[in-house]
């Protein structure tokens, strides 16, 4: 199979809004021209995002509480409900042309979940799917969330894997709108600190294999 040229950009730790704007700009450019696919990977400053169908009842604190914490909220185009992003959580935004890859949305999301499961396996953790729910679970807790959007056949938004974050941020919401859900991280499952840089490397190699990507550095900065 021909390996698709994919430009990789590590945005390290960046505000959510800047990556949201960048994704929409790149998607618009891809729709109008023959740009390559992109894979954006990094961490965010603390933020809560709400998907298209998010229920505000799943936010368990009032507006003033979050304003005092300095944590913004954004309602965005992806599917799913409310979630948190922040340091110690690896976020991945694949901007892929589904038609060029020969994928439908169902297969695309399945492969994203598979990339998480196989990456966790590298670090000795068994991840799994839960019927009727998106994301990846381990020991009956959720370790990774997935919420994607598609415009003009181009994917954006993506997935988040908890590597070594402060999980208490999830206590102020009902994560993904799933009552009773417990969140976990790779580090908590392993009982030791796992550097996010190690997970990035393993995840990129897994994505390249599963999606048949030829990954090269992107030539732009924020």
C-alpha atoms as a PDB file:
ATOM      1  CA  UNK A   1       0.000   0.000   0.000  1.00  0.00           C
ATOM      2  CA  UNK A   2       1.232   3.523  -0.838  1.00  0.00           C
ATOM      3  CA  UNK A   3       2.217   5.402   2.292  1.00  0.00           C
ATOM      4  CA  UNK A   4       0.502   8.793   2.554  1.00  0.00           C
ATOM      5  CA  UNK A   5       2.748  11.817   3.166  1.00  0.00           C
ATOM      6  CA  UNK A   6       1.699  13.290   6.516  1.00  0.00           C
ATOM      7  CA  UNK A   7       3.160  16.426   8.081  1.00  0.00           C
ATOM      8  CA  UNK A   8       3.706  16.104  11.843  1.00  0.00           C
ATOM      9  CA  UNK A   9       3.640  19.136  14.138  1.00  0.00           C
ATOM     10  CA  UNK A  10       4.427  18.930  17.880  1.00  0.00           C
ATOM     11  CA  UNK A  11       2.705  21.935  19.457  1.00  0.00           C
ATOM     12  CA  UNK A  12       4.086  21.054  22.907  1.00  0.00           C
ATOM     13  CA  UNK A  13       1.951  22.898  25.527  1.00  0.00           C
ATOM     14  CA  UNK A  14      -0.329  25.429  23.830  1.00  0.00           C
ATOM     15  CA  UNK A  15      -3.637  27.214  24.495  1.00  0.00           C
ATOM     16  CA  UNK A  16      -6.594  25.301  23.113  1.00  0.00           C
ATOM     17  CA  UNK A  17      -7.938  28.194  21.062  1.00  0.00           C
ATOM     18  CA  UNK A  18      -4.759  28.560  18.997  1.00  0.00           C
ATOM     19  CA  UNK A  19      -4.887  24.897  17.932  1.00  0.00           C
ATOM     20  CA  UNK A  20      -8.615  25.082  17.266  1.00  0.00           C
ATOM     21  CA  UNK A  21      -8.062  28.037  14.933  1.00  0.00           C
ATOM     22  CA  UNK A  22      -5.088  26.289  13.268  1.00  0.00           C
ATOM     23  CA  UNK A  23      -7.113  23.129  12.622  1.00  0.00           C
ATOM     24  CA  UNK A  24      -9.958  25.039  10.980  1.00  0.00           C
ATOM     25  CA  UNK A  25      -7.515  27.027   8.853  1.00  0.00           C
ATOM     26  CA  UNK A  26      -5.694  23.897   7.664  1.00  0.00           C
ATOM     27  CA  UNK A  27      -8.949  22.058   6.965  1.00  0.00           C
ATOM     28  CA  UNK A  28     -10.166  24.996   4.869  1.00  0.00           C
ATOM     29  CA  UNK A  29      -6.898  25.040   2.941  1.00  0.00           C
ATOM     30  CA  UNK A  30      -7.011  21.268   2.387  1.00  0.00           C
ATOM     31  CA  UNK A  31     -10.536  21.491   1.001  1.00  0.00           C
ATOM     32  CA  UNK A  32      -9.457  24.146  -1.531  1.00  0.00           C
ATOM     33  CA  UNK A  33      -6.021  22.790  -2.480  1.00  0.00           C
ATOM     34  CA  UNK A  34      -3.831  19.703  -2.569  1.00  0.00           C
ATOM     35  CA  UNK A  35      -2.251  20.088   0.867  1.00  0.00           C
ATOM     36  CA  UNK A  36      -0.872  16.953   2.556  1.00  0.00           C
ATOM     37  CA  UNK A  37      -2.466  15.458   5.640  1.00  0.00           C
ATOM     38  CA  UNK A  38      -1.410  16.735   9.061  1.00  0.00           C
ATOM     39  CA  UNK A  39      -0.934  15.142  12.465  1.00  0.00           C
ATOM     40  CA  UNK A  40      -0.872  17.672  15.320  1.00  0.00           C
ATOM     41  CA  UNK A  41       0.301  16.353  18.684  1.00  0.00           C
ATOM     42  CA  UNK A  42       0.901  17.963  22.071  1.00  0.00           C
ATOM     43  CA  UNK A  43      -0.666  19.193  25.306  1.00  0.00           C
ATOM     44  CA  UNK A  44      -2.999  22.044  26.230  1.00  0.00           C
ATOM     45  CA  UNK A  45      -3.194  24.536  29.024  1.00  0.00           C
ATOM     46  CA  UNK A  46      -6.217  23.612  31.214  1.00  0.00           C
ATOM     47  CA  UNK A  47      -9.469  23.921  29.265  1.00  0.00           C
ATOM     48  CA  UNK A  48     -12.922  22.347  29.026  1.00  0.00           C
ATOM     49  CA  UNK A  49     -14.524  21.698  25.660  1.00  0.00           C
ATOM     50  CA  UNK A  50     -18.089  20.789  24.806  1.00  0.00           C
ATOM     51  CA  UNK A  51     -19.062  18.827  21.729  1.00  0.00           C
ATOM     52  CA  UNK A  52     -22.050  19.606  19.518  1.00  0.00           C
ATOM     53  CA  UNK A  53     -24.473  17.601  21.628  1.00  0.00           C
ATOM     54  CA  UNK A  54     -23.054  18.459  25.051  1.00  0.00           C
ATOM     55  CA  UNK A  55     -25.500  18.818  27.939  1.00  0.00           C
ATOM     56  CA  UNK A  56     -24.708  21.750  30.245  1.00  0.00           C
ATOM     57  CA  UNK A  57     -26.043  19.676  33.148  1.00  0.00           C
ATOM     58  CA  UNK A  58     -22.808  17.682  32.894  1.00  0.00           C
ATOM     59  CA  UNK A  59     -20.872  20.708  34.200  1.00  0.00           C
ATOM     60  CA  UNK A  60     -21.007  20.311  37.978  1.00  0.00           C
ATOM     61  CA  UNK A  61     -19.786  23.754  39.054  1.00  0.00           C
ATOM     62  CA  UNK A  62     -20.972  27.241  38.266  1.00  0.00           C
ATOM     63  CA  UNK A  63     -19.443  29.815  35.935  1.00  0.00           C
ATOM     64  CA  UNK A  64     -17.815  31.779  38.783  1.00  0.00           C
ATOM     65  CA  UNK A  65     -16.004  28.672  40.032  1.00  0.00           C
ATOM     66  CA  UNK A  66     -14.256  28.158  36.690  1.00  0.00           C
ATOM     67  CA  UNK A  67     -13.577  31.877  36.207  1.00  0.00           C
ATOM     68  CA  UNK A  68     -11.721  31.938  39.532  1.00  0.00           C
ATOM     69  CA  UNK A  69      -9.714  28.925  38.374  1.00  0.00           C
ATOM     70  CA  UNK A  70      -8.952  30.710  35.098  1.00  0.00           C
ATOM     71  CA  UNK A  71     -10.162  27.738  33.028  1.00  0.00           C
ATOM     72  CA  UNK A  72     -12.009  28.610  29.790  1.00  0.00           C
ATOM     73  CA  UNK A  73     -14.782  26.672  28.055  1.00  0.00           C
ATOM     74  CA  UNK A  74     -15.229  26.234  24.309  1.00  0.00           C
ATOM     75  CA  UNK A  75     -18.154  24.715  22.433  1.00  0.00           C
ATOM     76  CA  UNK A  76     -16.669  23.091  19.342  1.00  0.00           C
ATOM     77  CA  UNK A  77     -17.597  21.059  16.258  1.00  0.00           C
ATOM     78  CA  UNK A  78     -16.610  17.589  17.424  1.00  0.00           C
ATOM     79  CA  UNK A  79     -18.989  14.893  18.551  1.00  0.00           C
ATOM     80  CA  UNK A  80     -19.341  13.943  22.190  1.00  0.00           C
ATOM     81  CA  UNK A  81     -20.048  15.813  25.396  1.00  0.00           C
ATOM     82  CA  UNK A  82     -17.865  17.751  27.839  1.00  0.00           C
ATOM     83  CA  UNK A  83     -14.240  16.878  28.563  1.00  0.00           C
ATOM     84  CA  UNK A  84     -11.077  18.414  29.998  1.00  0.00           C
ATOM     85  CA  UNK A  85      -7.674  18.921  28.375  1.00  0.00           C
ATOM     86  CA  UNK A  86      -4.509  19.953  30.165  1.00  0.00           C
ATOM     87  CA  UNK A  87      -0.866  19.237  30.967  1.00  0.00           C
ATOM     88  CA  UNK A  88      -0.008  15.553  31.199  1.00  0.00           C
ATOM     89  CA  UNK A  89      -2.672  14.617  28.664  1.00  0.00           C
ATOM     90  CA  UNK A  90      -1.520  13.874  25.113  1.00  0.00           C
ATOM     91  CA  UNK A  91      -3.857  15.316  22.498  1.00  0.00           C
ATOM     92  CA  UNK A  92      -3.767  14.237  18.859  1.00  0.00           C
ATOM     93  CA  UNK A  93      -5.490  16.037  15.982  1.00  0.00           C
ATOM     94  CA  UNK A  94      -5.374  14.063  12.690  1.00  0.00           C
ATOM     95  CA  UNK A  95      -6.310  16.211   9.694  1.00  0.00           C
ATOM     96  CA  UNK A  96      -6.819  13.388   7.208  1.00  0.00           C
ATOM     97  CA  UNK A  97      -8.543  13.179   3.829  1.00  0.00           C
ATOM     98  CA  UNK A  98     -10.802  10.165   4.338  1.00  0.00           C
ATOM     99  CA  UNK A  99     -11.444   9.585   0.634  1.00  0.00           C
ATOM    100  CA  UNK A 100      -7.736   9.616  -0.202  1.00  0.00           C
ATOM    101  CA  UNK A 101      -7.144   7.109   2.602  1.00  0.00           C
ATOM    102  CA  UNK A 102     -10.015   4.912   1.505  1.00  0.00           C
ATOM    103  CA  UNK A 103     -11.653   5.130   4.940  1.00  0.00           C
ATOM    104  CA  UNK A 104     -15.153   5.816   6.164  1.00  0.00           C
ATOM    105  CA  UNK A 105     -15.719   7.592   9.474  1.00  0.00           C
ATOM    106  CA  UNK A 106     -16.453   4.378  11.369  1.00  0.00           C
ATOM    107  CA  UNK A 107     -13.174   2.764  10.264  1.00  0.00           C
ATOM    108  CA  UNK A 108     -11.251   5.975  10.975  1.00  0.00           C
ATOM    109  CA  UNK A 109     -12.477   6.118  14.589  1.00  0.00           C
ATOM    110  CA  UNK A 110     -11.873   2.389  15.006  1.00  0.00           C
ATOM    111  CA  UNK A 111      -8.248   2.829  13.932  1.00  0.00           C
ATOM    112  CA  UNK A 112      -7.785   5.777  16.314  1.00  0.00           C
ATOM    113  CA  UNK A 113      -8.973   3.561  19.162  1.00  0.00           C
ATOM    114  CA  UNK A 114      -6.680   0.788  17.937  1.00  0.00           C
ATOM    115  CA  UNK A 115      -3.710   3.186  17.915  1.00  0.00           C
ATOM    116  CA  UNK A 116      -4.398   3.999  21.571  1.00  0.00           C
ATOM    117  CA  UNK A 117      -4.842   0.338  22.526  1.00  0.00           C
ATOM    118  CA  UNK A 118      -1.616  -0.716  20.823  1.00  0.00           C
ATOM    119  CA  UNK A 119       0.306   2.212  22.336  1.00  0.00           C
ATOM    120  CA  UNK A 120      -0.892   1.316  25.827  1.00  0.00           C
ATOM    121  CA  UNK A 121       0.222  -2.274  25.208  1.00  0.00           C
ATOM    122  CA  UNK A 122       3.768  -1.048  24.580  1.00  0.00           C
ATOM    123  CA  UNK A 123       3.739   0.265  28.161  1.00  0.00           C
ATOM    124  CA  UNK A 124       2.286  -2.909  29.626  1.00  0.00           C
ATOM    125  CA  UNK A 125      -1.342  -1.780  29.914  1.00  0.00           C
ATOM    126  CA  UNK A 126      -4.288  -3.637  28.368  1.00  0.00           C
ATOM    127  CA  UNK A 127      -6.795  -1.224  26.865  1.00  0.00           C
ATOM    128  CA  UNK A 128     -10.195  -2.139  25.467  1.00  0.00           C
ATOM    129  CA  UNK A 129     -13.349  -0.789  23.864  1.00  0.00           C
ATOM    130  CA  UNK A 130     -16.689  -0.571  25.647  1.00  0.00           C
ATOM    131  CA  UNK A 131     -19.757  -1.423  23.498  1.00  0.00           C
ATOM    132  CA  UNK A 132     -21.780   1.655  22.576  1.00  0.00           C
ATOM    133  CA  UNK A 133     -19.119   4.101  23.777  1.00  0.00           C
ATOM    134  CA  UNK A 134     -16.219   5.787  22.045  1.00  0.00           C
ATOM    135  CA  UNK A 135     -12.750   5.892  23.550  1.00  0.00           C
ATOM    136  CA  UNK A 136     -10.480   3.407  25.300  1.00  0.00           C
ATOM    137  CA  UNK A 137     -10.865   1.879  28.735  1.00  0.00           C
ATOM    138  CA  UNK A 138      -8.578   0.016  31.131  1.00  0.00           C
ATOM    139  CA  UNK A 139      -9.588  -1.740  34.341  1.00  0.00           C
ATOM    140  CA  UNK A 140     -13.137  -0.365  33.971  1.00  0.00           C
ATOM    141  CA  UNK A 141     -11.890   3.216  33.821  1.00  0.00           C
ATOM    142  CA  UNK A 142     -11.583   5.535  30.861  1.00  0.00           C
ATOM    143  CA  UNK A 143      -8.040   6.362  29.794  1.00  0.00           C
ATOM    144  CA  UNK A 144      -8.643   7.960  26.377  1.00  0.00           C
ATOM    145  CA  UNK A 145     -11.457   9.974  24.808  1.00  0.00           C
ATOM    146  CA  UNK A 146     -12.289  10.451  21.138  1.00  0.00           C
ATOM    147  CA  UNK A 147     -14.349  13.181  19.513  1.00  0.00           C
ATOM    148  CA  UNK A 148     -13.972  13.996  15.837  1.00  0.00           C
ATOM    149  CA  UNK A 149     -15.487  16.263  13.213  1.00  0.00           C
ATOM    150  CA  UNK A 150     -15.446  16.040   9.427  1.00  0.00           C
ATOM    151  CA  UNK A 151     -15.713  18.924   6.951  1.00  0.00           C
ATOM    152  CA  UNK A 152     -15.449  18.426   3.206  1.00  0.00           C
ATOM    153  CA  UNK A 153     -14.200  14.906   3.818  1.00  0.00           C
ATOM    154  CA  UNK A 154     -11.347  16.171   6.067  1.00  0.00           C
ATOM    155  CA  UNK A 155     -11.160  15.039   9.694  1.00  0.00           C
ATOM    156  CA  UNK A 156     -10.271  17.321  12.579  1.00  0.00           C
ATOM    157  CA  UNK A 157     -10.392  17.338  16.376  1.00  0.00           C
ATOM    158  CA  UNK A 158      -9.390  13.850  17.505  1.00  0.00           C
ATOM    159  CA  UNK A 159      -8.342  12.071  20.679  1.00  0.00           C
ATOM    160  CA  UNK A 160      -6.836  12.607  24.112  1.00  0.00           C
ATOM    161  CA  UNK A 161      -4.891  10.061  26.174  1.00  0.00           C
ATOM    162  CA  UNK A 162      -4.340  10.638  29.881  1.00  0.00           C
ATOM    163  CA  UNK A 163      -0.641  10.015  30.483  1.00  0.00           C
ATOM    164  CA  UNK A 164       0.200  11.762  33.754  1.00  0.00           C
ATOM    165  CA  UNK A 165      -2.348  14.585  34.268  1.00  0.00           C
ATOM    166  CA  UNK A 166      -4.008  15.879  37.429  1.00  0.00           C
ATOM    167  CA  UNK A 167      -7.192  13.821  37.200  1.00  0.00           C
ATOM    168  CA  UNK A 168      -9.022  15.998  39.733  1.00  0.00           C
ATOM    169  CA  UNK A 169     -10.032  18.344  36.896  1.00  0.00           C
ATOM    170  CA  UNK A 170     -12.490  15.639  35.803  1.00  0.00           C
ATOM    171  CA  UNK A 171     -14.249  15.799  39.195  1.00  0.00           C
ATOM    172  CA  UNK A 172     -15.965  19.062  38.222  1.00  0.00           C
ATOM    173  CA  UNK A 173     -17.726  17.592  35.196  1.00  0.00           C
ATOM    174  CA  UNK A 174     -19.391  14.351  34.126  1.00  0.00           C
ATOM    175  CA  UNK A 175     -16.705  13.316  31.618  1.00  0.00           C
ATOM    176  CA  UNK A 176     -18.119  12.579  28.161  1.00  0.00           C
ATOM    177  CA  UNK A 177     -21.592  12.805  29.724  1.00  0.00           C
ATOM    178  CA  UNK A 178     -21.241   9.260  31.098  1.00  0.00           C
ATOM    179  CA  UNK A 179     -22.610   9.102  34.642  1.00  0.00           C
ATOM    180  CA  UNK A 180     -20.508   7.030  36.994  1.00  0.00           C
ATOM    181  CA  UNK A 181     -17.463   7.038  34.699  1.00  0.00           C
ATOM    182  CA  UNK A 182     -14.069   7.013  36.398  1.00  0.00           C
ATOM    183  CA  UNK A 183     -11.073   8.454  34.583  1.00  0.00           C
ATOM    184  CA  UNK A 184      -7.577   7.048  34.839  1.00  0.00           C
ATOM    185  CA  UNK A 185      -4.150   7.637  33.321  1.00  0.00           C
ATOM    186  CA  UNK A 186      -1.346   5.517  31.977  1.00  0.00           C
ATOM    187  CA  UNK A 187       0.818   6.519  34.932  1.00  0.00           C
ATOM    188  CA  UNK A 188      -1.870   5.610  37.494  1.00  0.00           C
ATOM    189  CA  UNK A 189      -2.389   2.241  35.814  1.00  0.00           C
ATOM    190  CA  UNK A 190       1.328   1.539  35.853  1.00  0.00           C
ATOM    191  CA  UNK A 191       1.874   2.910  39.359  1.00  0.00           C
ATOM    192  CA  UNK A 192       4.773   5.039  38.123  1.00  0.00           C
ATOM    193  CA  UNK A 193       5.370   8.258  36.223  1.00  0.00           C
ATOM    194  CA  UNK A 194       5.446   7.732  32.462  1.00  0.00           C
ATOM    195  CA  UNK A 195       7.069  10.614  30.512  1.00  0.00           C
ATOM    196  CA  UNK A 196       4.761  11.974  27.855  1.00  0.00           C
ATOM    197  CA  UNK A 197       7.666  12.204  25.402  1.00  0.00           C
ATOM    198  CA  UNK A 198       8.018   8.404  25.442  1.00  0.00           C
ATOM    199  CA  UNK A 199       4.322   7.964  24.693  1.00  0.00           C
ATOM    200  CA  UNK A 200       4.483  10.468  21.813  1.00  0.00           C
ATOM    201  CA  UNK A 201       7.206   8.453  20.122  1.00  0.00           C
ATOM    202  CA  UNK A 202       5.375   5.146  20.543  1.00  0.00           C
ATOM    203  CA  UNK A 203       2.056   6.631  19.435  1.00  0.00           C
ATOM    204  CA  UNK A 204       3.514   8.183  16.275  1.00  0.00           C
ATOM    205  CA  UNK A 205       5.065   4.864  15.283  1.00  0.00           C
ATOM    206  CA  UNK A 206       1.746   3.103  15.880  1.00  0.00           C
ATOM    207  CA  UNK A 207      -0.225   5.685  13.867  1.00  0.00           C
ATOM    208  CA  UNK A 208       2.270   5.418  11.003  1.00  0.00           C
ATOM    209  CA  UNK A 209       1.835   1.650  10.885  1.00  0.00           C
ATOM    210  CA  UNK A 210      -1.955   1.488  11.239  1.00  0.00           C
ATOM    211  CA  UNK A 211      -2.743   4.347   8.847  1.00  0.00           C
ATOM    212  CA  UNK A 212       0.166   3.653   6.441  1.00  0.00           C
ATOM    213  CA  UNK A 213       1.694   7.110   6.961  1.00  0.00           C
ATOM    214  CA  UNK A 214       4.988   8.566   5.848  1.00  0.00           C
ATOM    215  CA  UNK A 215       5.469  11.109   8.639  1.00  0.00           C
ATOM    216  CA  UNK A 216       7.691  14.155   8.166  1.00  0.00           C
ATOM    217  CA  UNK A 217       8.063  17.450  10.108  1.00  0.00           C
ATOM    218  CA  UNK A 218       5.622  20.244   9.307  1.00  0.00           C
ATOM    219  CA  UNK A 219       7.168  23.532   8.257  1.00  0.00           C
ATOM    220  CA  UNK A 220       5.205  26.104  10.250  1.00  0.00           C
ATOM    221  CA  UNK A 221       5.077  27.576  13.765  1.00  0.00           C
ATOM    222  CA  UNK A 222       2.274  28.906  15.936  1.00  0.00           C
END
